[in-house]
Amino acid sequence: MRGNSLWEGHRIVLPELRERAAKRCADCRFLVKIQGREEARWGCVAGLPEYGAPGKLIPESLHAVEVIRVAGRDGLLRAVSRGDPDAQACGVFLPRFRKLVPSVPG
């Protein structure tokens, strides 16, 4: 079955979904750290109305109070429940912007 684009480790993967199937949530811009009073957890903000649009700027971390204000307590629970950095990326995957580090002249 080598060379067959539909066969990927005993799973059928359509060619246009192959790129997304190879990505992880850790590389997605919608995965942010949600800071509570005592701890910080990863959360996916793709389902939140304020941050889910592709053109919006998404911060690297959010306060839990802000997420509750935008989406309510249920929205916070949904975001935190989908916050596994090692999980396979979903259909709304967008790559994270990388910060440009200026080179030091040598």
PDB file of N, CA and C in Angstrom:
ATOM      1  N   MET A   1       0.804  -1.195   0.000  1.00  0.00           N
ATOM      2  CA  MET A   1       0.000   0.000   0.000  1.00  0.00           C
ATOM      3  C   MET A   1       0.851   1.266   0.000  1.00  0.00           C
ATOM      4  N   ARG A   2       2.125   1.138  -0.173  1.00  0.00           N
ATOM      5  CA  ARG A   2       2.983   2.324  -0.202  1.00  0.00           C
ATOM      6  C   ARG A   2       2.679   3.154  -1.439  1.00  0.00           C
ATOM      7  N   GLY A   3       2.744   4.461  -1.273  1.00  0.00           N
ATOM      8  CA  GLY A   3       2.479   5.358  -2.375  1.00  0.00           C
ATOM      9  C   GLY A   3       1.010   5.686  -2.563  1.00  0.00           C
ATOM     10  N   ASN A   4       0.147   5.070  -1.792  1.00  0.00           N
ATOM     11  CA  ASN A   4      -1.277   5.345  -1.897  1.00  0.00           C
ATOM     12  C   ASN A   4      -1.614   6.470  -0.920  1.00  0.00           C
ATOM     13  N   SER A   5      -2.089   7.599  -1.440  1.00  0.00           N
ATOM     14  CA  SER A   5      -2.352   8.753  -0.580  1.00  0.00           C
ATOM     15  C   SER A   5      -3.574   8.567   0.309  1.00  0.00           C
ATOM     16  N   LEU A   6      -4.405   7.581   0.027  1.00  0.00           N
ATOM     17  CA  LEU A   6      -5.581   7.353   0.862  1.00  0.00           C
ATOM     18  C   LEU A   6      -5.310   6.401   2.019  1.00  0.00           C
ATOM     19  N   TRP A   7      -4.151   5.773   2.029  1.00  0.00           N
ATOM     20  CA  TRP A   7      -3.855   4.784   3.061  1.00  0.00           C
ATOM     21  C   TRP A   7      -2.784   5.339   3.985  1.00  0.00           C
ATOM     22  N   GLU A   8      -3.132   5.625   5.210  1.00  0.00           N
ATOM     23  CA  GLU A   8      -2.191   6.179   6.174  1.00  0.00           C
ATOM     24  C   GLU A   8      -2.301   5.395   7.475  1.00  0.00           C
ATOM     25  N   GLY A   9      -1.559   4.367   7.631  1.00  0.00           N
ATOM     26  CA  GLY A   9      -1.548   3.620   8.886  1.00  0.00           C
ATOM     27  C   GLY A   9      -2.899   3.053   9.262  1.00  0.00           C
ATOM     28  N   HIS A  10      -3.529   2.339   8.355  1.00  0.00           N
ATOM     29  CA  HIS A  10      -4.810   1.678   8.583  1.00  0.00           C
ATOM     30  C   HIS A  10      -5.979   2.653   8.723  1.00  0.00           C
ATOM     31  N   ARG A  11      -5.811   3.872   8.269  1.00  0.00           N
ATOM     32  CA  ARG A  11      -6.909   4.838   8.288  1.00  0.00           C
ATOM     33  C   ARG A  11      -7.046   5.433   6.900  1.00  0.00           C
ATOM     34  N   ILE A  12      -8.252   5.729   6.520  1.00  0.00           N
ATOM     35  CA  ILE A  12      -8.468   6.392   5.245  1.00  0.00           C
ATOM     36  C   ILE A  12      -8.412   7.893   5.486  1.00  0.00           C
ATOM     37  N   VAL A  13      -7.499   8.558   4.795  1.00  0.00           N
ATOM     38  CA  VAL A  13      -7.329   9.990   4.928  1.00  0.00           C
ATOM     39  C   VAL A  13      -7.437  10.595   3.539  1.00  0.00           C
ATOM     40  N   LEU A  14      -8.365  11.506   3.377  1.00  0.00           N
ATOM     41  CA  LEU A  14      -8.511  12.173   2.092  1.00  0.00           C
ATOM     42  C   LEU A  14      -7.302  13.065   1.840  1.00  0.00           C
ATOM     43  N   PRO A  15      -6.878  13.201   0.587  1.00  0.00           N
ATOM     44  CA  PRO A  15      -5.665  13.975   0.296  1.00  0.00           C
ATOM     45  C   PRO A  15      -5.705  15.409   0.816  1.00  0.00           C
ATOM     46  N   GLU A  16      -6.847  16.073   0.749  1.00  0.00           N
ATOM     47  CA  GLU A  16      -6.906  17.465   1.217  1.00  0.00           C
ATOM     48  C   GLU A  16      -6.871  17.564   2.740  1.00  0.00           C
ATOM     49  N   LEU A  17      -7.151  16.469   3.443  1.00  0.00           N
ATOM     50  CA  LEU A  17      -7.099  16.469   4.903  1.00  0.00           C
ATOM     51  C   LEU A  17      -5.786  15.914   5.440  1.00  0.00           C
ATOM     52  N   ARG A  18      -4.939  15.450   4.567  1.00  0.00           N
ATOM     53  CA  ARG A  18      -3.681  14.831   4.994  1.00  0.00           C
ATOM     54  C   ARG A  18      -2.812  15.799   5.783  1.00  0.00           C
ATOM     55  N   GLU A  19      -2.716  17.043   5.321  1.00  0.00           N
ATOM     56  CA  GLU A  19      -1.885  18.033   6.005  1.00  0.00           C
ATOM     57  C   GLU A  19      -2.411  18.306   7.411  1.00  0.00           C
ATOM     58  N   ARG A  20      -3.699  18.409   7.564  1.00  0.00           N
ATOM     59  CA  ARG A  20      -4.267  18.672   8.887  1.00  0.00           C
ATOM     60  C   ARG A  20      -4.148  17.465   9.800  1.00  0.00           C
ATOM     61  N   ALA A  21      -4.190  16.277   9.240  1.00  0.00           N
ATOM     62  CA  ALA A  21      -4.087  15.072  10.059  1.00  0.00           C
ATOM     63  C   ALA A  21      -2.682  14.902  10.616  1.00  0.00           C
ATOM     64  N   ALA A  22      -1.696  15.508   9.983  1.00  0.00           N
ATOM     65  CA  ALA A  22      -0.317  15.385  10.442  1.00  0.00           C
ATOM     66  C   ALA A  22       0.026  16.428  11.497  1.00  0.00           C
ATOM     67  N   LYS A  23      -0.831  17.390  11.737  1.00  0.00           N
ATOM     68  CA  LYS A  23      -0.557  18.476  12.672  1.00  0.00           C
ATOM     69  C   LYS A  23      -1.070  18.150  14.068  1.00  0.00           C
ATOM     70  N   ARG A  24      -0.506  18.811  15.043  1.00  0.00           N
ATOM     71  CA  ARG A  24      -0.889  18.658  16.444  1.00  0.00           C
ATOM     72  C   ARG A  24      -1.432  19.981  16.974  1.00  0.00           C
ATOM     73  N   CYS A  25      -2.225  19.903  18.004  1.00  0.00           N
ATOM     74  CA  CYS A  25      -2.808  21.106  18.602  1.00  0.00           C
ATOM     75  C   CYS A  25      -1.734  22.053  19.144  1.00  0.00           C
ATOM     76  N   ALA A  26      -0.586  21.531  19.513  1.00  0.00           N
ATOM     77  CA  ALA A  26       0.482  22.375  20.043  1.00  0.00           C
ATOM     78  C   ALA A  26       0.961  23.396  19.020  1.00  0.00           C
ATOM     79  N   ASP A  27       0.771  23.132  17.735  1.00  0.00           N
ATOM     80  CA  ASP A  27       1.197  24.045  16.676  1.00  0.00           C
ATOM     81  C   ASP A  27       0.083  24.977  16.219  1.00  0.00           C
ATOM     82  N   CYS A  28      -1.086  24.900  16.828  1.00  0.00           N
ATOM     83  CA  CYS A  28      -2.252  25.679  16.399  1.00  0.00           C
ATOM     84  C   CYS A  28      -2.302  27.011  17.143  1.00  0.00           C
ATOM     85  N   ARG A  29      -2.726  28.059  16.450  1.00  0.00           N
ATOM     86  CA  ARG A  29      -2.803  29.373  17.086  1.00  0.00           C
ATOM     87  C   ARG A  29      -3.978  29.498  18.049  1.00  0.00           C
ATOM     88  N   PHE A  30      -4.954  28.596  17.959  1.00  0.00           N
ATOM     89  CA  PHE A  30      -6.113  28.663  18.843  1.00  0.00           C
ATOM     90  C   PHE A  30      -5.848  28.032  20.208  1.00  0.00           C
ATOM     91  N   LEU A  31      -4.737  27.340  20.378  1.00  0.00           N
ATOM     92  CA  LEU A  31      -4.402  26.740  21.673  1.00  0.00           C
ATOM     93  C   LEU A  31      -3.674  27.783  22.514  1.00  0.00           C
ATOM     94  N   VAL A  32      -4.303  28.223  23.590  1.00  0.00           N
ATOM     95  CA  VAL A  32      -3.728  29.255  24.454  1.00  0.00           C
ATOM     96  C   VAL A  32      -3.715  28.754  25.891  1.00  0.00           C
ATOM     97  N   LYS A  33      -2.920  29.408  26.704  1.00  0.00           N
ATOM     98  CA  LYS A  33      -2.879  29.085  28.126  1.00  0.00           C
ATOM     99  C   LYS A  33      -3.928  29.949  28.825  1.00  0.00           C
ATOM    100  N   ILE A  34      -4.840  29.296  29.542  1.00  0.00           N
ATOM    101  CA  ILE A  34      -5.901  29.998  30.266  1.00  0.00           C
ATOM    102  C   ILE A  34      -5.516  30.025  31.738  1.00  0.00           C
ATOM    103  N   GLN A  35      -5.311  31.238  32.260  1.00  0.00           N
ATOM    104  CA  GLN A  35      -4.815  31.430  33.615  1.00  0.00           C
ATOM    105  C   GLN A  35      -5.975  31.641  34.574  1.00  0.00           C
ATOM    106  N   GLY A  36      -6.085  30.760  35.552  1.00  0.00           N
ATOM    107  CA  GLY A  36      -7.086  30.902  36.606  1.00  0.00           C
ATOM    108  C   GLY A  36      -6.457  31.516  37.841  1.00  0.00           C
ATOM    109  N   ARG A  37      -7.139  31.421  38.974  1.00  0.00           N
ATOM    110  CA  ARG A  37      -6.590  31.962  40.219  1.00  0.00           C
ATOM    111  C   ARG A  37      -5.386  31.174  40.703  1.00  0.00           C
ATOM    112  N   GLU A  38      -5.472  29.851  40.603  1.00  0.00           N
ATOM    113  CA  GLU A  38      -4.436  29.009  41.187  1.00  0.00           C
ATOM    114  C   GLU A  38      -3.587  28.269  40.170  1.00  0.00           C
ATOM    115  N   GLU A  39      -4.113  28.034  38.980  1.00  0.00           N
ATOM    116  CA  GLU A  39      -3.363  27.259  38.002  1.00  0.00           C
ATOM    117  C   GLU A  39      -3.648  27.755  36.594  1.00  0.00           C
ATOM    118  N   ALA A  40      -2.801  27.334  35.680  1.00  0.00           N
ATOM    119  CA  ALA A  40      -2.984  27.654  34.263  1.00  0.00           C
ATOM    120  C   ALA A  40      -3.153  26.347  33.504  1.00  0.00           C
ATOM    121  N   ARG A  41      -4.111  26.321  32.584  1.00  0.00           N
ATOM    122  CA  ARG A  41      -4.357  25.137  31.762  1.00  0.00           C
ATOM    123  C   ARG A  41      -4.410  25.541  30.302  1.00  0.00           C
ATOM    124  N   TRP A  42      -4.135  24.574  29.441  1.00  0.00           N
ATOM    125  CA  TRP A  42      -4.262  24.798  28.012  1.00  0.00           C
ATOM    126  C   TRP A  42      -5.728  24.758  27.635  1.00  0.00           C
ATOM    127  N   GLY A  43      -6.106  25.571  26.656  1.00  0.00           N
ATOM    128  CA  GLY A  43      -7.478  25.582  26.182  1.00  0.00           C
ATOM    129  C   GLY A  43      -7.542  25.970  24.716  1.00  0.00           C
ATOM    130  N   CYS A  44      -8.529  25.452  24.020  1.00  0.00           N
ATOM    131  CA  CYS A  44      -8.744  25.757  22.604  1.00  0.00           C
ATOM    132  C   CYS A  44      -9.842  26.812  22.503  1.00  0.00           C
ATOM    133  N   VAL A  45      -9.511  27.978  21.946  1.00  0.00           N
ATOM    134  CA  VAL A  45     -10.472  29.072  21.850  1.00  0.00           C
ATOM    135  C   VAL A  45     -11.092  29.171  20.460  1.00  0.00           C
ATOM    136  N   ALA A  46     -10.984  28.115  19.660  1.00  0.00           N
ATOM    137  CA  ALA A  46     -11.548  28.145  18.307  1.00  0.00           C
ATOM    138  C   ALA A  46     -13.064  28.253  18.341  1.00  0.00           C
ATOM    139  N   GLY A  47     -13.717  27.762  19.367  1.00  0.00           N
ATOM    140  CA  GLY A  47     -15.167  27.805  19.449  1.00  0.00           C
ATOM    141  C   GLY A  47     -15.712  29.068  20.096  1.00  0.00           C
ATOM    142  N   LEU A  48     -14.840  29.933  20.607  1.00  0.00           N
ATOM    143  CA  LEU A  48     -15.302  31.162  21.248  1.00  0.00           C
ATOM    144  C   LEU A  48     -15.571  32.229  20.192  1.00  0.00           C
ATOM    145  N   PRO A  49     -16.681  32.966  20.318  1.00  0.00           N
ATOM    146  CA  PRO A  49     -17.034  33.928  19.272  1.00  0.00           C
ATOM    147  C   PRO A  49     -16.020  35.060  19.108  1.00  0.00           C
ATOM    148  N   GLU A  50     -15.380  35.476  20.178  1.00  0.00           N
ATOM    149  CA  GLU A  50     -14.454  36.602  20.087  1.00  0.00           C
ATOM    150  C   GLU A  50     -13.102  36.210  19.480  1.00  0.00           C
ATOM    151  N   TYR A  51     -12.690  34.975  19.634  1.00  0.00           N
ATOM    152  CA  TYR A  51     -11.363  34.555  19.188  1.00  0.00           C
ATOM    153  C   TYR A  51     -11.387  33.517  18.081  1.00  0.00           C
ATOM    154  N   GLY A  52     -12.539  32.994  17.717  1.00  0.00           N
ATOM    155  CA  GLY A  52     -12.617  31.903  16.755  1.00  0.00           C
ATOM    156  C   GLY A  52     -12.436  32.298  15.307  1.00  0.00           C
ATOM    157  N   ALA A  53     -12.535  33.570  14.976  1.00  0.00           N
ATOM    158  CA  ALA A  53     -12.394  33.998  13.585  1.00  0.00           C
ATOM    159  C   ALA A  53     -10.928  33.956  13.168  1.00  0.00           C
ATOM    160  N   PRO A  54     -10.641  33.515  11.944  1.00  0.00           N
ATOM    161  CA  PRO A  54      -9.249  33.397  11.504  1.00  0.00           C
ATOM    162  C   PRO A  54      -8.498  34.720  11.447  1.00  0.00           C
ATOM    163  N   GLY A  55      -9.175  35.839  11.235  1.00  0.00           N
ATOM    164  CA  GLY A  55      -8.493  37.121  11.121  1.00  0.00           C
ATOM    165  C   GLY A  55      -8.187  37.791  12.440  1.00  0.00           C
ATOM    166  N   LYS A  56      -8.727  37.284  13.526  1.00  0.00           N
ATOM    167  CA  LYS A  56      -8.536  37.906  14.840  1.00  0.00           C
ATOM    168  C   LYS A  56      -7.156  37.586  15.398  1.00  0.00           C
ATOM    169  N   LEU A  57      -6.609  38.530  16.144  1.00  0.00           N
ATOM    170  CA  LEU A  57      -5.360  38.283  16.851  1.00  0.00           C
ATOM    171  C   LEU A  57      -5.683  37.558  18.148  1.00  0.00           C
ATOM    172  N   ILE A  58      -4.954  36.508  18.408  1.00  0.00           N
ATOM    173  CA  ILE A  58      -5.208  35.674  19.579  1.00  0.00           C
ATOM    174  C   ILE A  58      -3.987  35.760  20.489  1.00  0.00           C
ATOM    175  N   PRO A  59      -4.160  36.194  21.735  1.00  0.00           N
ATOM    176  CA  PRO A  59      -3.014  36.280  22.645  1.00  0.00           C
ATOM    177  C   PRO A  59      -2.500  34.894  23.026  1.00  0.00           C
ATOM    178  N   GLU A  60      -1.282  34.857  23.552  1.00  0.00           N
ATOM    179  CA  GLU A  60      -0.694  33.578  23.958  1.00  0.00           C
ATOM    180  C   GLU A  60      -1.337  33.044  25.234  1.00  0.00           C
ATOM    181  N   SER A  61      -1.858  33.938  26.070  1.00  0.00           N
ATOM    182  CA  SER A  61      -2.533  33.498  27.293  1.00  0.00           C
ATOM    183  C   SER A  61      -3.731  34.413  27.556  1.00  0.00           C
ATOM    184  N   LEU A  62      -4.733  33.846  28.200  1.00  0.00           N
ATOM    185  CA  LEU A  62      -5.951  34.574  28.557  1.00  0.00           C
ATOM    186  C   LEU A  62      -6.260  34.328  30.024  1.00  0.00           C
ATOM    187  N   HIS A  63      -6.910  35.282  30.653  1.00  0.00           N
ATOM    188  CA  HIS A  63      -7.396  35.078  32.009  1.00  0.00           C
ATOM    189  C   HIS A  63      -8.740  34.365  31.931  1.00  0.00           C
ATOM    190  N   ALA A  64      -8.998  33.504  32.876  1.00  0.00           N
ATOM    191  CA  ALA A  64     -10.246  32.739  32.892  1.00  0.00           C
ATOM    192  C   ALA A  64     -11.457  33.659  32.994  1.00  0.00           C
ATOM    193  N   VAL A  65     -11.313  34.788  33.674  1.00  0.00           N
ATOM    194  CA  VAL A  65     -12.418  35.738  33.815  1.00  0.00           C
ATOM    195  C   VAL A  65     -12.819  36.291  32.452  1.00  0.00           C
ATOM    196  N   GLU A  66     -11.836  36.543  31.604  1.00  0.00           N
ATOM    197  CA  GLU A  66     -12.130  37.066  30.267  1.00  0.00           C
ATOM    198  C   GLU A  66     -12.864  36.026  29.416  1.00  0.00           C
ATOM    199  N   VAL A  67     -12.466  34.764  29.535  1.00  0.00           N
ATOM    200  CA  VAL A  67     -13.142  33.700  28.789  1.00  0.00           C
ATOM    201  C   VAL A  67     -14.572  33.539  29.289  1.00  0.00           C
ATOM    202  N   ILE A  68     -14.781  33.641  30.600  1.00  0.00           N
ATOM    203  CA  ILE A  68     -16.131  33.554  31.158  1.00  0.00           C
ATOM    204  C   ILE A  68     -16.979  34.727  30.677  1.00  0.00           C
ATOM    205  N   ARG A  69     -16.385  35.913  30.589  1.00  0.00           N
ATOM    206  CA  ARG A  69     -17.120  37.085  30.116  1.00  0.00           C
ATOM    207  C   ARG A  69     -17.568  36.913  28.666  1.00  0.00           C
ATOM    208  N   VAL A  70     -16.713  36.329  27.832  1.00  0.00           N
ATOM    209  CA  VAL A  70     -17.022  36.170  26.407  1.00  0.00           C
ATOM    210  C   VAL A  70     -17.976  35.006  26.163  1.00  0.00           C
ATOM    211  N   ALA A  71     -17.725  33.856  26.798  1.00  0.00           N
ATOM    212  CA  ALA A  71     -18.465  32.637  26.447  1.00  0.00           C
ATOM    213  C   ALA A  71     -19.221  32.005  27.603  1.00  0.00           C
ATOM    214  N   GLY A  72     -19.092  32.543  28.796  1.00  0.00           N
ATOM    215  CA  GLY A  72     -19.777  31.955  29.943  1.00  0.00           C
ATOM    216  C   GLY A  72     -18.991  30.788  30.529  1.00  0.00           C
ATOM    217  N   ARG A  73     -19.518  30.253  31.610  1.00  0.00           N
ATOM    218  CA  ARG A  73     -18.850  29.153  32.306  1.00  0.00           C
ATOM    219  C   ARG A  73     -18.777  27.899  31.436  1.00  0.00           C
ATOM    220  N   ASP A  74     -19.843  27.623  30.675  1.00  0.00           N
ATOM    221  CA  ASP A  74     -19.834  26.455  29.785  1.00  0.00           C
ATOM    222  C   ASP A  74     -18.780  26.601  28.691  1.00  0.00           C
ATOM    223  N   GLY A  75     -18.604  27.809  28.186  1.00  0.00           N
ATOM    224  CA  GLY A  75     -17.576  28.053  27.174  1.00  0.00           C
ATOM    225  C   GLY A  75     -16.176  27.821  27.717  1.00  0.00           C
ATOM    226  N   LEU A  76     -15.960  28.215  28.968  1.00  0.00           N
ATOM    227  CA  LEU A  76     -14.665  27.971  29.603  1.00  0.00           C
ATOM    228  C   LEU A  76     -14.417  26.477  29.754  1.00  0.00           C
ATOM    229  N   LEU A  77     -15.428  25.743  30.193  1.00  0.00           N
ATOM    230  CA  LEU A  77     -15.270  24.295  30.358  1.00  0.00           C
ATOM    231  C   LEU A  77     -15.022  23.603  29.016  1.00  0.00           C
ATOM    232  N   ARG A  78     -15.711  24.046  27.953  1.00  0.00           N
ATOM    233  CA  ARG A  78     -15.483  23.475  26.619  1.00  0.00           C
ATOM    234  C   ARG A  78     -14.066  23.764  26.135  1.00  0.00           C
ATOM    235  N   ALA A  79     -13.599  25.003  26.357  1.00  0.00           N
ATOM    236  CA  ALA A  79     -12.259  25.381  25.901  1.00  0.00           C
ATOM    237  C   ALA A  79     -11.190  24.564  26.621  1.00  0.00           C
ATOM    238  N   VAL A  80     -11.332  24.402  27.925  1.00  0.00           N
ATOM    239  CA  VAL A  80     -10.327  23.666  28.700  1.00  0.00           C
ATOM    240  C   VAL A  80     -10.384  22.173  28.388  1.00  0.00           C
ATOM    241  N   SER A  81     -11.572  21.646  28.107  1.00  0.00           N
ATOM    242  CA  SER A  81     -11.672  20.213  27.810  1.00  0.00           C
ATOM    243  C   SER A  81     -11.029  19.857  26.470  1.00  0.00           C
ATOM    244  N   ARG A  82     -10.907  20.828  25.568  1.00  0.00           N
ATOM    245  CA  ARG A  82     -10.274  20.564  24.274  1.00  0.00           C
ATOM    246  C   ARG A  82      -8.831  21.050  24.245  1.00  0.00           C
ATOM    247  N   GLY A  83      -8.211  21.225  25.369  1.00  0.00           N
ATOM    248  CA  GLY A  83      -6.885  21.817  25.432  1.00  0.00           C
ATOM    249  C   GLY A  83      -5.750  20.832  25.588  1.00  0.00           C
ATOM    250  N   ASP A  84      -5.692  19.805  24.774  1.00  0.00           N
ATOM    251  CA  ASP A  84      -4.605  18.827  24.841  1.00  0.00           C
ATOM    252  C   ASP A  84      -3.584  19.144  23.753  1.00  0.00           C
ATOM    253  N   PRO A  85      -2.381  19.616  24.114  1.00  0.00           N
ATOM    254  CA  PRO A  85      -1.390  19.971  23.094  1.00  0.00           C
ATOM    255  C   PRO A  85      -0.929  18.791  22.242  1.00  0.00           C
ATOM    256  N   ASP A  86      -1.028  17.567  22.758  1.00  0.00           N
ATOM    257  CA  ASP A  86      -0.556  16.404  22.008  1.00  0.00           C
ATOM    258  C   ASP A  86      -1.633  15.776  21.134  1.00  0.00           C
ATOM    259  N   ALA A  87      -2.839  16.303  21.173  1.00  0.00           N
ATOM    260  CA  ALA A  87      -3.936  15.742  20.374  1.00  0.00           C
ATOM    261  C   ALA A  87      -3.761  16.093  18.900  1.00  0.00           C
ATOM    262  N   GLN A  88      -4.378  15.300  18.053  1.00  0.00           N
ATOM    263  CA  GLN A  88      -4.364  15.575  16.625  1.00  0.00           C
ATOM    264  C   GLN A  88      -5.222  16.805  16.353  1.00  0.00           C
ATOM    265  N   ALA A  89      -4.755  17.677  15.473  1.00  0.00           N
ATOM    266  CA  ALA A  89      -5.448  18.935  15.202  1.00  0.00           C
ATOM    267  C   ALA A  89      -6.815  18.690  14.576  1.00  0.00           C
ATOM    268  N   CYS A  90      -7.733  19.591  14.870  1.00  0.00           N
ATOM    269  CA  CYS A  90      -9.091  19.472  14.334  1.00  0.00           C
ATOM    270  C   CYS A  90      -9.185  20.191  12.986  1.00  0.00           C
ATOM    271  N   GLY A  91     -10.388  20.348  12.491  1.00  0.00           N
ATOM    272  CA  GLY A  91     -10.594  20.934  11.171  1.00  0.00           C
ATOM    273  C   GLY A  91     -10.391  22.431  11.100  1.00  0.00           C
ATOM    274  N   VAL A  92     -10.308  23.129  12.224  1.00  0.00           N
ATOM    275  CA  VAL A  92     -10.104  24.576  12.203  1.00  0.00           C
ATOM    276  C   VAL A  92      -8.648  24.946  12.474  1.00  0.00           C
ATOM    277  N   PHE A  93      -7.735  24.015  12.257  1.00  0.00           N
ATOM    278  CA  PHE A  93      -6.314  24.236  12.525  1.00  0.00           C
ATOM    279  C   PHE A  93      -5.773  25.386  11.684  1.00  0.00           C
ATOM    280  N   LEU A  94      -5.095  26.312  12.336  1.00  0.00           N
ATOM    281  CA  LEU A  94      -4.329  27.355  11.665  1.00  0.00           C
ATOM    282  C   LEU A  94      -2.968  27.398  12.343  1.00  0.00           C
ATOM    283  N   PRO A  95      -1.880  27.448  11.570  1.00  0.00           N
ATOM    284  CA  PRO A  95      -0.553  27.422  12.199  1.00  0.00           C
ATOM    285  C   PRO A  95      -0.311  28.659  13.056  1.00  0.00           C
ATOM    286  N   ARG A  96       0.422  28.451  14.119  1.00  0.00           N
ATOM    287  CA  ARG A  96       0.758  29.522  15.059  1.00  0.00           C
ATOM    288  C   ARG A  96       1.770  30.453  14.406  1.00  0.00           C
ATOM    289  N   PHE A  97       1.627  31.750  14.665  1.00  0.00           N
ATOM    290  CA  PHE A  97       2.612  32.710  14.185  1.00  0.00           C
ATOM    291  C   PHE A  97       3.871  32.552  15.017  1.00  0.00           C
ATOM    292  N   ARG A  98       4.985  32.524  14.368  1.00  0.00           N
ATOM    293  CA  ARG A  98       6.264  32.429  15.075  1.00  0.00           C
ATOM    294  C   ARG A  98       6.821  33.827  15.285  1.00  0.00           C
ATOM    295  N   LYS A  99       7.340  34.070  16.470  1.00  0.00           N
ATOM    296  CA  LYS A  99       7.943  35.364  16.750  1.00  0.00           C
ATOM    297  C   LYS A  99       9.285  35.443  16.036  1.00  0.00           C
ATOM    298  N   LEU A 100       9.522  36.582  15.433  1.00  0.00           N
ATOM    299  CA  LEU A 100      10.799  36.781  14.765  1.00  0.00           C
ATOM    300  C   LEU A 100      11.804  37.277  15.792  1.00  0.00           C
ATOM    301  N   VAL A 101      12.894  36.565  15.917  1.00  0.00           N
ATOM    302  CA  VAL A 101      13.949  36.944  16.843  1.00  0.00           C
ATOM    303  C   VAL A 101      15.031  37.624  16.025  1.00  0.00           C
ATOM    304  N   PRO A 102      15.346  38.886  16.351  1.00  0.00           N
ATOM    305  CA  PRO A 102      16.366  39.572  15.556  1.00  0.00           C
ATOM    306  C   PRO A 102      17.717  38.896  15.733  1.00  0.00           C
ATOM    307  N   SER A 103      18.428  38.783  14.642  1.00  0.00           N
ATOM    308  CA  SER A 103      19.748  38.151  14.710  1.00  0.00           C
ATOM    309  C   SER A 103      20.750  39.131  15.296  1.00  0.00           C
ATOM    310  N   VAL A 104      21.676  38.592  16.040  1.00  0.00           N
ATOM    311  CA  VAL A 104      22.716  39.403  16.666  1.00  0.00           C
ATOM    312  C   VAL A 104      23.898  39.452  15.711  1.00  0.00           C
ATOM    313  N   PRO A 105      24.333  40.670  15.329  1.00  0.00           N
ATOM    314  CA  PRO A 105      25.485  40.738  14.414  1.00  0.00           C
ATOM    315  C   PRO A 105      26.729  40.195  15.097  1.00  0.00           C
ATOM    316  N   GLY A 106      27.457  39.392  14.375  1.00  0.00           N
ATOM    317  CA  GLY A 106      28.609  38.711  14.966  1.00  0.00           C
ATOM    318  C   GLY A 106      29.840  39.261  14.528  1.00  0.00           C
TER     319      GLY A 106
END
